[in-house]
Amino acid sequence: MINDLTSKPNGITAGQVMKAADLVGYQSGAVVSREIVKMPAGNITIFSFDEGQGLSEHKTPFDALVQVLEGEAEVFIEGKPHHIQSGEIILMPANQLHALKALKQFKMILTMMHS
């Protein structure tokens, strides 16, 4: 099997070394996202959140792993708060209510596992 070394729309190029935090910038009063991998087995998306911004409470049918690149946030799983900061990870289980709020400007990698 030959590796595909071509660029993918909004994604990354195979074999290219990059800093994940540089793939998405901050916008005042906003949440910004960039999907860098989309496959049947799952997606990887990089997010930036301005201070005070977040994702409202919701459920997904898949487990999702948050890896913090910069800043601090509060992740709520079934209403329980979890303080996370740069260098830390947290798993948000499938079919459980979860939400997120940036305590400071915050960047994360979200890996959604479909199988």
PDB file of N, CA and C in Angstrom:
ATOM      1  N   MET A   1       0.848  -1.183   0.000  1.00  0.00           N
ATOM      2  CA  MET A   1       0.000   0.000   0.000  1.00  0.00           C
ATOM      3  C   MET A   1       0.895   1.249   0.000  1.00  0.00           C
ATOM      4  N   ILE A   2       0.609   2.192  -0.853  1.00  0.00           N
ATOM      5  CA  ILE A   2       1.376   3.419  -0.967  1.00  0.00           C
ATOM      6  C   ILE A   2       0.705   4.504  -0.142  1.00  0.00           C
ATOM      7  N   ASN A   3       1.498   5.235   0.659  1.00  0.00           N
ATOM      8  CA  ASN A   3       0.951   6.347   1.449  1.00  0.00           C
ATOM      9  C   ASN A   3       0.571   7.497   0.535  1.00  0.00           C
ATOM     10  N   ASP A   4      -0.559   8.125   0.809  1.00  0.00           N
ATOM     11  CA  ASP A   4      -0.997   9.290   0.063  1.00  0.00           C
ATOM     12  C   ASP A   4      -0.352  10.516   0.684  1.00  0.00           C
ATOM     13  N   LEU A   5       0.566  11.156  -0.023  1.00  0.00           N
ATOM     14  CA  LEU A   5       1.289  12.312   0.498  1.00  0.00           C
ATOM     15  C   LEU A   5       0.706  13.620  -0.020  1.00  0.00           C
ATOM     16  N   THR A   6      -0.487  13.589  -0.569  1.00  0.00           N
ATOM     17  CA  THR A   6      -1.099  14.809  -1.087  1.00  0.00           C
ATOM     18  C   THR A   6      -1.793  15.569   0.031  1.00  0.00           C
ATOM     19  N   SER A   7      -1.963  16.863  -0.168  1.00  0.00           N
ATOM     20  CA  SER A   7      -2.675  17.689   0.807  1.00  0.00           C
ATOM     21  C   SER A   7      -4.154  17.351   0.778  1.00  0.00           C
ATOM     22  N   LYS A   8      -4.784  17.469   1.903  1.00  0.00           N
ATOM     23  CA  LYS A   8      -6.219  17.238   2.015  1.00  0.00           C
ATOM     24  C   LYS A   8      -6.876  18.566   2.372  1.00  0.00           C
ATOM     25  N   PRO A   9      -8.066  18.855   1.845  1.00  0.00           N
ATOM     26  CA  PRO A   9      -8.730  20.126   2.174  1.00  0.00           C
ATOM     27  C   PRO A   9      -8.874  20.283   3.686  1.00  0.00           C
ATOM     28  N   ASN A  10      -8.416  21.409   4.217  1.00  0.00           N
ATOM     29  CA  ASN A  10      -8.481  21.728   5.642  1.00  0.00           C
ATOM     30  C   ASN A  10      -7.705  20.754   6.512  1.00  0.00           C
ATOM     31  N   GLY A  11      -7.049  19.802   5.901  1.00  0.00           N
ATOM     32  CA  GLY A  11      -6.336  18.804   6.678  1.00  0.00           C
ATOM     33  C   GLY A  11      -4.856  19.084   6.734  1.00  0.00           C
ATOM     34  N   ILE A  12      -4.126  18.012   6.925  1.00  0.00           N
ATOM     35  CA  ILE A  12      -2.677  18.121   6.992  1.00  0.00           C
ATOM     36  C   ILE A  12      -2.085  17.196   5.948  1.00  0.00           C
ATOM     37  N   THR A  13      -0.842  17.422   5.618  1.00  0.00           N
ATOM     38  CA  THR A  13      -0.147  16.609   4.636  1.00  0.00           C
ATOM     39  C   THR A  13       0.619  15.505   5.354  1.00  0.00           C
ATOM     40  N   ALA A  14       0.479  14.285   4.887  1.00  0.00           N
ATOM     41  CA  ALA A  14       1.190  13.157   5.490  1.00  0.00           C
ATOM     42  C   ALA A  14       2.688  13.418   5.466  1.00  0.00           C
ATOM     43  N   GLY A  15       3.350  13.162   6.577  1.00  0.00           N
ATOM     44  CA  GLY A  15       4.781  13.318   6.675  1.00  0.00           C
ATOM     45  C   GLY A  15       5.263  14.716   6.997  1.00  0.00           C
ATOM     46  N   GLN A  16       4.371  15.694   6.997  1.00  0.00           N
ATOM     47  CA  GLN A  16       4.760  17.075   7.307  1.00  0.00           C
ATOM     48  C   GLN A  16       4.678  17.297   8.815  1.00  0.00           C
ATOM     49  N   VAL A  17       5.748  17.830   9.402  1.00  0.00           N
ATOM     50  CA  VAL A  17       5.774  18.128  10.832  1.00  0.00           C
ATOM     51  C   VAL A  17       5.171  19.508  11.050  1.00  0.00           C
ATOM     52  N   MET A  18       4.209  19.601  11.966  1.00  0.00           N
ATOM     53  CA  MET A  18       3.522  20.861  12.235  1.00  0.00           C
ATOM     54  C   MET A  18       3.284  20.996  13.728  1.00  0.00           C
ATOM     55  N   LYS A  19       3.057  22.212  14.190  1.00  0.00           N
ATOM     56  CA  LYS A  19       2.628  22.446  15.557  1.00  0.00           C
ATOM     57  C   LYS A  19       1.103  22.524  15.539  1.00  0.00           C
ATOM     58  N   ALA A  20       0.475  21.636  16.277  1.00  0.00           N
ATOM     59  CA  ALA A  20      -0.983  21.560  16.265  1.00  0.00           C
ATOM     60  C   ALA A  20      -1.623  22.894  16.641  1.00  0.00           C
ATOM     61  N   ALA A  21      -1.079  23.574  17.635  1.00  0.00           N
ATOM     62  CA  ALA A  21      -1.670  24.840  18.091  1.00  0.00           C
ATOM     63  C   ALA A  21      -1.631  25.920  17.019  1.00  0.00           C
ATOM     64  N   ASP A  22      -0.732  25.782  16.036  1.00  0.00           N
ATOM     65  CA  ASP A  22      -0.636  26.776  14.967  1.00  0.00           C
ATOM     66  C   ASP A  22      -1.660  26.555  13.855  1.00  0.00           C
ATOM     67  N   LEU A  23      -2.378  25.436  13.886  1.00  0.00           N
ATOM     68  CA  LEU A  23      -3.315  25.113  12.811  1.00  0.00           C
ATOM     69  C   LEU A  23      -4.649  25.840  12.918  1.00  0.00           C
ATOM     70  N   VAL A  24      -4.903  26.487  14.049  1.00  0.00           N
ATOM     71  CA  VAL A  24      -6.133  27.266  14.218  1.00  0.00           C
ATOM     72  C   VAL A  24      -5.815  28.467  15.096  1.00  0.00           C
ATOM     73  N   GLY A  25      -6.357  29.621  14.717  1.00  0.00           N
ATOM     74  CA  GLY A  25      -6.113  30.847  15.468  1.00  0.00           C
ATOM     75  C   GLY A  25      -7.294  31.216  16.341  1.00  0.00           C
ATOM     76  N   TYR A  26      -7.074  32.187  17.211  1.00  0.00           N
ATOM     77  CA  TYR A  26      -8.148  32.705  18.057  1.00  0.00           C
ATOM     78  C   TYR A  26      -8.902  33.800  17.309  1.00  0.00           C
ATOM     79  N   GLN A  27     -10.208  33.897  17.575  1.00  0.00           N
ATOM     80  CA  GLN A  27     -11.029  34.999  17.092  1.00  0.00           C
ATOM     81  C   GLN A  27     -11.794  35.550  18.286  1.00  0.00           C
ATOM     82  N   SER A  28     -11.837  36.858  18.391  1.00  0.00           N
ATOM     83  CA  SER A  28     -12.510  37.514  19.508  1.00  0.00           C
ATOM     84  C   SER A  28     -13.969  37.076  19.598  1.00  0.00           C
ATOM     85  N   GLY A  29     -14.363  36.604  20.787  1.00  0.00           N
ATOM     86  CA  GLY A  29     -15.752  36.225  21.040  1.00  0.00           C
ATOM     87  C   GLY A  29     -16.238  35.012  20.278  1.00  0.00           C
ATOM     88  N   ALA A  30     -15.316  34.149  19.838  1.00  0.00           N
ATOM     89  CA  ALA A  30     -15.730  33.048  18.960  1.00  0.00           C
ATOM     90  C   ALA A  30     -15.052  31.728  19.301  1.00  0.00           C
ATOM     91  N   VAL A  31     -15.637  30.672  18.753  1.00  0.00           N
ATOM     92  CA  VAL A  31     -15.050  29.340  18.738  1.00  0.00           C
ATOM     93  C   VAL A  31     -14.680  29.062  17.284  1.00  0.00           C
ATOM     94  N   VAL A  32     -13.457  28.613  17.056  1.00  0.00           N
ATOM     95  CA  VAL A  32     -12.983  28.309  15.709  1.00  0.00           C
ATOM     96  C   VAL A  32     -12.600  26.837  15.672  1.00  0.00           C
ATOM     97  N   SER A  33     -12.956  26.146  14.590  1.00  0.00           N
ATOM     98  CA  SER A  33     -12.576  24.742  14.472  1.00  0.00           C
ATOM     99  C   SER A  33     -12.010  24.454  13.092  1.00  0.00           C
ATOM    100  N   ARG A  34     -11.158  23.442  13.058  1.00  0.00           N
ATOM    101  CA  ARG A  34     -10.577  22.987  11.795  1.00  0.00           C
ATOM    102  C   ARG A  34     -10.438  21.473  11.857  1.00  0.00           C
ATOM    103  N   GLU A  35     -11.200  20.791  11.027  1.00  0.00           N
ATOM    104  CA  GLU A  35     -11.108  19.337  10.956  1.00  0.00           C
ATOM    105  C   GLU A  35      -9.853  18.991  10.162  1.00  0.00           C
ATOM    106  N   ILE A  36      -8.963  18.203  10.770  1.00  0.00           N
ATOM    107  CA  ILE A  36      -7.722  17.868  10.078  1.00  0.00           C
ATOM    108  C   ILE A  36      -7.683  16.421   9.602  1.00  0.00           C
ATOM    109  N   VAL A  37      -8.528  15.556  10.167  1.00  0.00           N
ATOM    110  CA  VAL A  37      -8.642  14.175   9.711  1.00  0.00           C
ATOM    111  C   VAL A  37     -10.113  13.784   9.748  1.00  0.00           C
ATOM    112  N   LYS A  38     -10.584  13.181   8.654  1.00  0.00           N
ATOM    113  CA  LYS A  38     -11.956  12.663   8.613  1.00  0.00           C
ATOM    114  C   LYS A  38     -11.901  11.302   7.947  1.00  0.00           C
ATOM    115  N   MET A  39     -12.227  10.271   8.752  1.00  0.00           N
ATOM    116  CA  MET A  39     -12.175   8.900   8.268  1.00  0.00           C
ATOM    117  C   MET A  39     -13.372   8.148   8.835  1.00  0.00           C
ATOM    118  N   PRO A  40     -13.713   7.012   8.251  1.00  0.00           N
ATOM    119  CA  PRO A  40     -14.827   6.226   8.807  1.00  0.00           C
ATOM    120  C   PRO A  40     -14.626   5.859  10.275  1.00  0.00           C
ATOM    121  N   ALA A  41     -13.384   5.663  10.707  1.00  0.00           N
ATOM    122  CA  ALA A  41     -13.105   5.273  12.097  1.00  0.00           C
ATOM    123  C   ALA A  41     -13.176   6.441  13.070  1.00  0.00           C
ATOM    124  N   GLY A  42     -13.144   7.691  12.546  1.00  0.00           N
ATOM    125  CA  GLY A  42     -13.230   8.841  13.439  1.00  0.00           C
ATOM    126  C   GLY A  42     -12.704  10.108  12.806  1.00  0.00           C
ATOM    127  N   ASN A  43     -12.832  11.194  13.555  1.00  0.00           N
ATOM    128  CA  ASN A  43     -12.407  12.516  13.103  1.00  0.00           C
ATOM    129  C   ASN A  43     -11.469  13.124  14.139  1.00  0.00           C
ATOM    130  N   ILE A  44     -10.570  13.991  13.652  1.00  0.00           N
ATOM    131  CA  ILE A  44      -9.717  14.774  14.532  1.00  0.00           C
ATOM    132  C   ILE A  44      -9.906  16.232  14.152  1.00  0.00           C
ATOM    133  N   THR A  45     -10.285  17.043  15.147  1.00  0.00           N
ATOM    134  CA  THR A  45     -10.563  18.459  14.920  1.00  0.00           C
ATOM    135  C   THR A  45      -9.809  19.275  15.947  1.00  0.00           C
ATOM    136  N   ILE A  46      -9.222  20.383  15.493  1.00  0.00           N
ATOM    137  CA  ILE A  46      -8.551  21.310  16.400  1.00  0.00           C
ATOM    138  C   ILE A  46      -9.481  22.500  16.604  1.00  0.00           C
ATOM    139  N   PHE A  47      -9.653  22.895  17.859  1.00  0.00           N
ATOM    140  CA  PHE A  47     -10.529  24.007  18.224  1.00  0.00           C
ATOM    141  C   PHE A  47      -9.738  25.090  18.937  1.00  0.00           C
ATOM    142  N   SER A  48     -10.177  26.337  18.763  1.00  0.00           N
ATOM    143  CA  SER A  48      -9.733  27.434  19.626  1.00  0.00           C
ATOM    144  C   SER A  48     -10.978  28.115  20.169  1.00  0.00           C
ATOM    145  N   PHE A  49     -10.912  28.519  21.416  1.00  0.00           N
ATOM    146  CA  PHE A  49     -12.022  29.180  22.101  1.00  0.00           C
ATOM    147  C   PHE A  49     -11.506  30.481  22.694  1.00  0.00           C
ATOM    148  N   ASP A  50     -12.194  31.580  22.432  1.00  0.00           N
ATOM    149  CA  ASP A  50     -11.866  32.803  23.139  1.00  0.00           C
ATOM    150  C   ASP A  50     -12.333  32.636  24.587  1.00  0.00           C
ATOM    151  N   GLU A  51     -11.747  33.388  25.492  1.00  0.00           N
ATOM    152  CA  GLU A  51     -12.124  33.306  26.899  1.00  0.00           C
ATOM    153  C   GLU A  51     -13.637  33.452  27.057  1.00  0.00           C
ATOM    154  N   GLY A  52     -14.242  32.550  27.828  1.00  0.00           N
ATOM    155  CA  GLY A  52     -15.676  32.590  28.087  1.00  0.00           C
ATOM    156  C   GLY A  52     -16.526  31.856  27.061  1.00  0.00           C
ATOM    157  N   GLN A  53     -15.943  31.465  25.948  1.00  0.00           N
ATOM    158  CA  GLN A  53     -16.695  30.746  24.915  1.00  0.00           C
ATOM    159  C   GLN A  53     -16.728  29.259  25.240  1.00  0.00           C
ATOM    160  N   GLY A  54     -17.645  28.535  24.625  1.00  0.00           N
ATOM    161  CA  GLY A  54     -17.718  27.113  24.898  1.00  0.00           C
ATOM    162  C   GLY A  54     -18.625  26.371  23.958  1.00  0.00           C
ATOM    163  N   LEU A  55     -18.868  25.135  24.315  1.00  0.00           N
ATOM    164  CA  LEU A  55     -19.803  24.269  23.597  1.00  0.00           C
ATOM    165  C   LEU A  55     -20.928  23.935  24.567  1.00  0.00           C
ATOM    166  N   SER A  56     -22.158  24.113  24.121  1.00  0.00           N
ATOM    167  CA  SER A  56     -23.302  23.850  24.992  1.00  0.00           C
ATOM    168  C   SER A  56     -23.453  22.348  25.237  1.00  0.00           C
ATOM    169  N   GLU A  57     -24.206  22.035  26.266  1.00  0.00           N
ATOM    170  CA  GLU A  57     -24.401  20.650  26.676  1.00  0.00           C
ATOM    171  C   GLU A  57     -25.048  19.842  25.552  1.00  0.00           C
ATOM    172  N   HIS A  58     -24.454  18.680  25.280  1.00  0.00           N
ATOM    173  CA  HIS A  58     -24.964  17.797  24.232  1.00  0.00           C
ATOM    174  C   HIS A  58     -24.443  16.380  24.468  1.00  0.00           C
ATOM    175  N   LYS A  59     -24.976  15.432  23.692  1.00  0.00           N
ATOM    176  CA  LYS A  59     -24.510  14.047  23.704  1.00  0.00           C
ATOM    177  C   LYS A  59     -24.028  13.695  22.304  1.00  0.00           C
ATOM    178  N   THR A  60     -23.097  12.749  22.242  1.00  0.00           N
ATOM    179  CA  THR A  60     -22.687  12.184  20.962  1.00  0.00           C
ATOM    180  C   THR A  60     -22.724  10.662  21.085  1.00  0.00           C
ATOM    181  N   PRO A  61     -22.894   9.964  19.976  1.00  0.00           N
ATOM    182  CA  PRO A  61     -22.934   8.495  20.046  1.00  0.00           C
ATOM    183  C   PRO A  61     -21.554   7.854  20.130  1.00  0.00           C
ATOM    184  N   PHE A  62     -20.505   8.684  20.202  1.00  0.00           N
ATOM    185  CA  PHE A  62     -19.139   8.177  20.199  1.00  0.00           C
ATOM    186  C   PHE A  62     -18.334   8.753  21.356  1.00  0.00           C
ATOM    187  N   ASP A  63     -17.329   8.003  21.825  1.00  0.00           N
ATOM    188  CA  ASP A  63     -16.366   8.552  22.776  1.00  0.00           C
ATOM    189  C   ASP A  63     -15.572   9.656  22.098  1.00  0.00           C
ATOM    190  N   ALA A  64     -15.178  10.660  22.879  1.00  0.00           N
ATOM    191  CA  ALA A  64     -14.376  11.761  22.360  1.00  0.00           C
ATOM    192  C   ALA A  64     -13.275  12.075  23.358  1.00  0.00           C
ATOM    193  N   LEU A  65     -12.062  12.196  22.858  1.00  0.00           N
ATOM    194  CA  LEU A  65     -10.910  12.502  23.694  1.00  0.00           C
ATOM    195  C   LEU A  65     -10.495  13.946  23.442  1.00  0.00           C
ATOM    196  N   VAL A  66     -10.393  14.729  24.516  1.00  0.00           N
ATOM    197  CA  VAL A  66      -9.933  16.111  24.441  1.00  0.00           C
ATOM    198  C   VAL A  66      -8.489  16.147  24.920  1.00  0.00           C
ATOM    199  N   GLN A  67      -7.614  16.745  24.103  1.00  0.00           N
ATOM    200  CA  GLN A  67      -6.211  16.961  24.461  1.00  0.00           C
ATOM    201  C   GLN A  67      -5.978  18.459  24.456  1.00  0.00           C
ATOM    202  N   VAL A  68      -5.616  19.025  25.600  1.00  0.00           N
ATOM    203  CA  VAL A  68      -5.452  20.472  25.741  1.00  0.00           C
ATOM    204  C   VAL A  68      -4.078  20.896  25.219  1.00  0.00           C
ATOM    205  N   LEU A  69      -4.090  21.846  24.291  1.00  0.00           N
ATOM    206  CA  LEU A  69      -2.851  22.388  23.726  1.00  0.00           C
ATOM    207  C   LEU A  69      -2.401  23.638  24.456  1.00  0.00           C
ATOM    208  N   GLU A  70      -3.350  24.535  24.748  1.00  0.00           N
ATOM    209  CA  GLU A  70      -3.067  25.814  25.404  1.00  0.00           C
ATOM    210  C   GLU A  70      -4.243  26.181  26.284  1.00  0.00           C
ATOM    211  N   GLY A  71      -3.973  26.944  27.330  1.00  0.00           N
ATOM    212  CA  GLY A  71      -5.032  27.537  28.131  1.00  0.00           C
ATOM    213  C   GLY A  71      -5.671  26.600  29.128  1.00  0.00           C
ATOM    214  N   GLU A  72      -6.870  26.998  29.570  1.00  0.00           N
ATOM    215  CA  GLU A  72      -7.617  26.249  30.585  1.00  0.00           C
ATOM    216  C   GLU A  72      -9.089  26.258  30.247  1.00  0.00           C
ATOM    217  N   ALA A  73      -9.761  25.173  30.634  1.00  0.00           N
ATOM    218  CA  ALA A  73     -11.200  25.074  30.403  1.00  0.00           C
ATOM    219  C   ALA A  73     -11.838  24.240  31.498  1.00  0.00           C
ATOM    220  N   GLU A  74     -13.137  24.325  31.543  1.00  0.00           N
ATOM    221  CA  GLU A  74     -13.945  23.483  32.426  1.00  0.00           C
ATOM    222  C   GLU A  74     -14.747  22.572  31.502  1.00  0.00           C
ATOM    223  N   VAL A  75     -14.596  21.271  31.700  1.00  0.00           N
ATOM    224  CA  VAL A  75     -15.369  20.288  30.950  1.00  0.00           C
ATOM    225  C   VAL A  75     -16.385  19.697  31.912  1.00  0.00           C
ATOM    226  N   PHE A  76     -17.626  19.666  31.490  1.00  0.00           N
ATOM    227  CA  PHE A  76     -18.703  19.108  32.311  1.00  0.00           C
ATOM    228  C   PHE A  76     -19.147  17.795  31.686  1.00  0.00           C
ATOM    229  N   ILE A  77     -19.133  16.735  32.486  1.00  0.00           N
ATOM    230  CA  ILE A  77     -19.628  15.433  32.050  1.00  0.00           C
ATOM    231  C   ILE A  77     -20.723  15.024  33.011  1.00  0.00           C
ATOM    232  N   GLU A  78     -21.934  14.900  32.470  1.00  0.00           N
ATOM    233  CA  GLU A  78     -23.118  14.610  33.300  1.00  0.00           C
ATOM    234  C   GLU A  78     -23.214  15.594  34.466  1.00  0.00           C
ATOM    235  N   GLY A  79     -22.893  16.870  34.192  1.00  0.00           N
ATOM    236  CA  GLY A  79     -23.014  17.941  35.175  1.00  0.00           C
ATOM    237  C   GLY A  79     -21.828  18.106  36.108  1.00  0.00           C
ATOM    238  N   LYS A  80     -20.904  17.143  36.111  1.00  0.00           N
ATOM    239  CA  LYS A  80     -19.741  17.223  36.998  1.00  0.00           C
ATOM    240  C   LYS A  80     -18.623  18.000  36.308  1.00  0.00           C
ATOM    241  N   PRO A  81     -18.105  19.073  36.965  1.00  0.00           N
ATOM    242  CA  PRO A  81     -17.039  19.869  36.346  1.00  0.00           C
ATOM    243  C   PRO A  81     -15.660  19.221  36.498  1.00  0.00           C
ATOM    244  N   HIS A  82     -14.856  19.382  35.447  1.00  0.00           N
ATOM    245  CA  HIS A  82     -13.471  18.901  35.438  1.00  0.00           C
ATOM    246  C   HIS A  82     -12.605  20.033  34.903  1.00  0.00           C
ATOM    247  N   HIS A  83     -11.671  20.522  35.715  1.00  0.00           N
ATOM    248  CA  HIS A  83     -10.767  21.586  35.296  1.00  0.00           C
ATOM    249  C   HIS A  83      -9.621  20.945  34.510  1.00  0.00           C
ATOM    250  N   ILE A  84      -9.398  21.421  33.272  1.00  0.00           N
ATOM    251  CA  ILE A  84      -8.311  20.881  32.458  1.00  0.00           C
ATOM    252  C   ILE A  84      -7.442  22.028  31.952  1.00  0.00           C
ATOM    253  N   GLN A  85      -6.163  21.728  31.770  1.00  0.00           N
ATOM    254  CA  GLN A  85      -5.240  22.755  31.303  1.00  0.00           C
ATOM    255  C   GLN A  85      -4.190  22.136  30.385  1.00  0.00           C
ATOM    256  N   SER A  86      -3.343  22.991  29.848  1.00  0.00           N
ATOM    257  CA  SER A  86      -2.332  22.596  28.871  1.00  0.00           C
ATOM    258  C   SER A  86      -1.615  21.312  29.275  1.00  0.00           C
ATOM    259  N   GLY A  87      -1.541  20.374  28.316  1.00  0.00           N
ATOM    260  CA  GLY A  87      -0.855  19.112  28.540  1.00  0.00           C
ATOM    261  C   GLY A  87      -1.727  18.001  29.083  1.00  0.00           C
ATOM    262  N   GLU A  88      -2.973  18.299  29.434  1.00  0.00           N
ATOM    263  CA  GLU A  88      -3.858  17.283  30.019  1.00  0.00           C
ATOM    264  C   GLU A  88      -4.864  16.777  28.987  1.00  0.00           C
ATOM    265  N   ILE A  89      -5.427  15.586  29.273  1.00  0.00           N
ATOM    266  CA  ILE A  89      -6.452  14.996  28.429  1.00  0.00           C
ATOM    267  C   ILE A  89      -7.636  14.584  29.294  1.00  0.00           C
ATOM    268  N   ILE A  90      -8.798  14.461  28.644  1.00  0.00           N
ATOM    269  CA  ILE A  90      -9.984  13.942  29.321  1.00  0.00           C
ATOM    270  C   ILE A  90     -10.842  13.227  28.284  1.00  0.00           C
ATOM    271  N   LEU A  91     -11.419  12.106  28.679  1.00  0.00           N
ATOM    272  CA  LEU A  91     -12.306  11.339  27.817  1.00  0.00           C
ATOM    273  C   LEU A  91     -13.749  11.705  28.133  1.00  0.00           C
ATOM    274  N   MET A  92     -14.485  12.062  27.101  1.00  0.00           N
ATOM    275  CA  MET A  92     -15.920  12.322  27.245  1.00  0.00           C
ATOM    276  C   MET A  92     -16.645  11.102  26.676  1.00  0.00           C
ATOM    277  N   PRO A  93     -17.278  10.301  27.533  1.00  0.00           N
ATOM    278  CA  PRO A  93     -17.883   9.045  27.090  1.00  0.00           C
ATOM    279  C   PRO A  93     -19.091   9.254  26.172  1.00  0.00           C
ATOM    280  N   ALA A  94     -19.280   8.289  25.303  1.00  0.00           N
ATOM    281  CA  ALA A  94     -20.439   8.285  24.414  1.00  0.00           C
ATOM    282  C   ALA A  94     -21.729   8.306  25.219  1.00  0.00           C
ATOM    283  N   ASN A  95     -22.730   8.962  24.671  1.00  0.00           N
ATOM    284  CA  ASN A  95     -24.092   8.980  25.210  1.00  0.00           C
ATOM    285  C   ASN A  95     -24.217   9.592  26.601  1.00  0.00           C
ATOM    286  N   GLN A  96     -23.247  10.406  27.007  1.00  0.00           N
ATOM    287  CA  GLN A  96     -23.348  11.151  28.258  1.00  0.00           C
ATOM    288  C   GLN A  96     -23.316  12.644  27.937  1.00  0.00           C
ATOM    289  N   LEU A  97     -24.147  13.395  28.646  1.00  0.00           N
ATOM    290  CA  LEU A  97     -24.167  14.841  28.432  1.00  0.00           C
ATOM    291  C   LEU A  97     -22.809  15.434  28.787  1.00  0.00           C
ATOM    292  N   HIS A  98     -22.326  16.299  27.898  1.00  0.00           N
ATOM    293  CA  HIS A  98     -21.078  16.996  28.185  1.00  0.00           C
ATOM    294  C   HIS A  98     -21.115  18.395  27.580  1.00  0.00           C
ATOM    295  N   ALA A  99     -20.306  19.280  28.158  1.00  0.00           N
ATOM    296  CA  ALA A  99     -20.204  20.670  27.721  1.00  0.00           C
ATOM    297  C   ALA A  99     -18.800  21.150  28.041  1.00  0.00           C
ATOM    298  N   LEU A 100     -18.454  22.317  27.515  1.00  0.00           N
ATOM    299  CA  LEU A 100     -17.116  22.851  27.720  1.00  0.00           C
ATOM    300  C   LEU A 100     -17.174  24.365  27.742  1.00  0.00           C
ATOM    301  N   LYS A 101     -16.374  24.985  28.629  1.00  0.00           N
ATOM    302  CA  LYS A 101     -16.278  26.442  28.677  1.00  0.00           C
ATOM    303  C   LYS A 101     -14.824  26.836  28.907  1.00  0.00           C
ATOM    304  N   ALA A 102     -14.325  27.757  28.066  1.00  0.00           N
ATOM    305  CA  ALA A 102     -12.951  28.239  28.182  1.00  0.00           C
ATOM    306  C   ALA A 102     -12.832  29.213  29.345  1.00  0.00           C
ATOM    307  N   LEU A 103     -11.926  28.928  30.283  1.00  0.00           N
ATOM    308  CA  LEU A 103     -11.670  29.824  31.404  1.00  0.00           C
ATOM    309  C   LEU A 103     -10.684  30.922  30.996  1.00  0.00           C
ATOM    310  N   LYS A 104      -9.837  30.608  30.024  1.00  0.00           N
ATOM    311  CA  LYS A 104      -8.898  31.510  29.372  1.00  0.00           C
ATOM    312  C   LYS A 104      -8.965  31.146  27.892  1.00  0.00           C
ATOM    313  N   GLN A 105      -8.282  31.895  27.038  1.00  0.00           N
ATOM    314  CA  GLN A 105      -8.183  31.425  25.669  1.00  0.00           C
ATOM    315  C   GLN A 105      -7.656  30.001  25.718  1.00  0.00           C
ATOM    316  N   PHE A 106      -8.216  29.148  24.858  1.00  0.00           N
ATOM    317  CA  PHE A 106      -8.043  27.707  25.013  1.00  0.00           C
ATOM    318  C   PHE A 106      -8.001  27.052  23.642  1.00  0.00           C
ATOM    319  N   LYS A 107      -7.044  26.134  23.452  1.00  0.00           N
ATOM    320  CA  LYS A 107      -6.990  25.327  22.226  1.00  0.00           C
ATOM    321  C   LYS A 107      -6.950  23.860  22.611  1.00  0.00           C
ATOM    322  N   MET A 108      -7.630  23.047  21.795  1.00  0.00           N
ATOM    323  CA  MET A 108      -7.665  21.615  22.068  1.00  0.00           C
ATOM    324  C   MET A 108      -7.723  20.835  20.773  1.00  0.00           C
ATOM    325  N   ILE A 109      -7.307  19.570  20.867  1.00  0.00           N
ATOM    326  CA  ILE A 109      -7.526  18.596  19.813  1.00  0.00           C
ATOM    327  C   ILE A 109      -8.643  17.690  20.287  1.00  0.00           C
ATOM    328  N   LEU A 110      -9.666  17.519  19.456  1.00  0.00           N
ATOM    329  CA  LEU A 110     -10.776  16.616  19.764  1.00  0.00           C
ATOM    330  C   LEU A 110     -10.683  15.424  18.824  1.00  0.00           C
ATOM    331  N   THR A 111     -10.534  14.237  19.410  1.00  0.00           N
ATOM    332  CA  THR A 111     -10.504  13.002  18.625  1.00  0.00           C
ATOM    333  C   THR A 111     -11.796  12.243  18.890  1.00  0.00           C
ATOM    334  N   MET A 112     -12.620  12.142  17.856  1.00  0.00           N
ATOM    335  CA  MET A 112     -13.910  11.451  17.945  1.00  0.00           C
ATOM    336  C   MET A 112     -13.712  10.043  17.354  1.00  0.00           C
ATOM    337  N   MET A 113     -13.943   9.022  18.190  1.00  0.00           N
ATOM    338  CA  MET A 113     -13.706   7.650  17.787  1.00  0.00           C
ATOM    339  C   MET A 113     -15.022   6.986  17.401  1.00  0.00           C
ATOM    340  N   HIS A 114     -15.193   6.668  16.129  1.00  0.00           N
ATOM    341  CA  HIS A 114     -16.450   6.123  15.634  1.00  0.00           C
ATOM    342  C   HIS A 114     -16.562   4.622  15.796  1.00  0.00           C
ATOM    343  N   SER A 115     -15.483   3.952  16.090  1.00  0.00           N
ATOM    344  CA  SER A 115     -15.576   2.502  16.229  1.00  0.00           C
ATOM    345  C   SER A 115     -14.658   2.006  17.330  1.00  0.00           C
TER     346      SER A 115
END
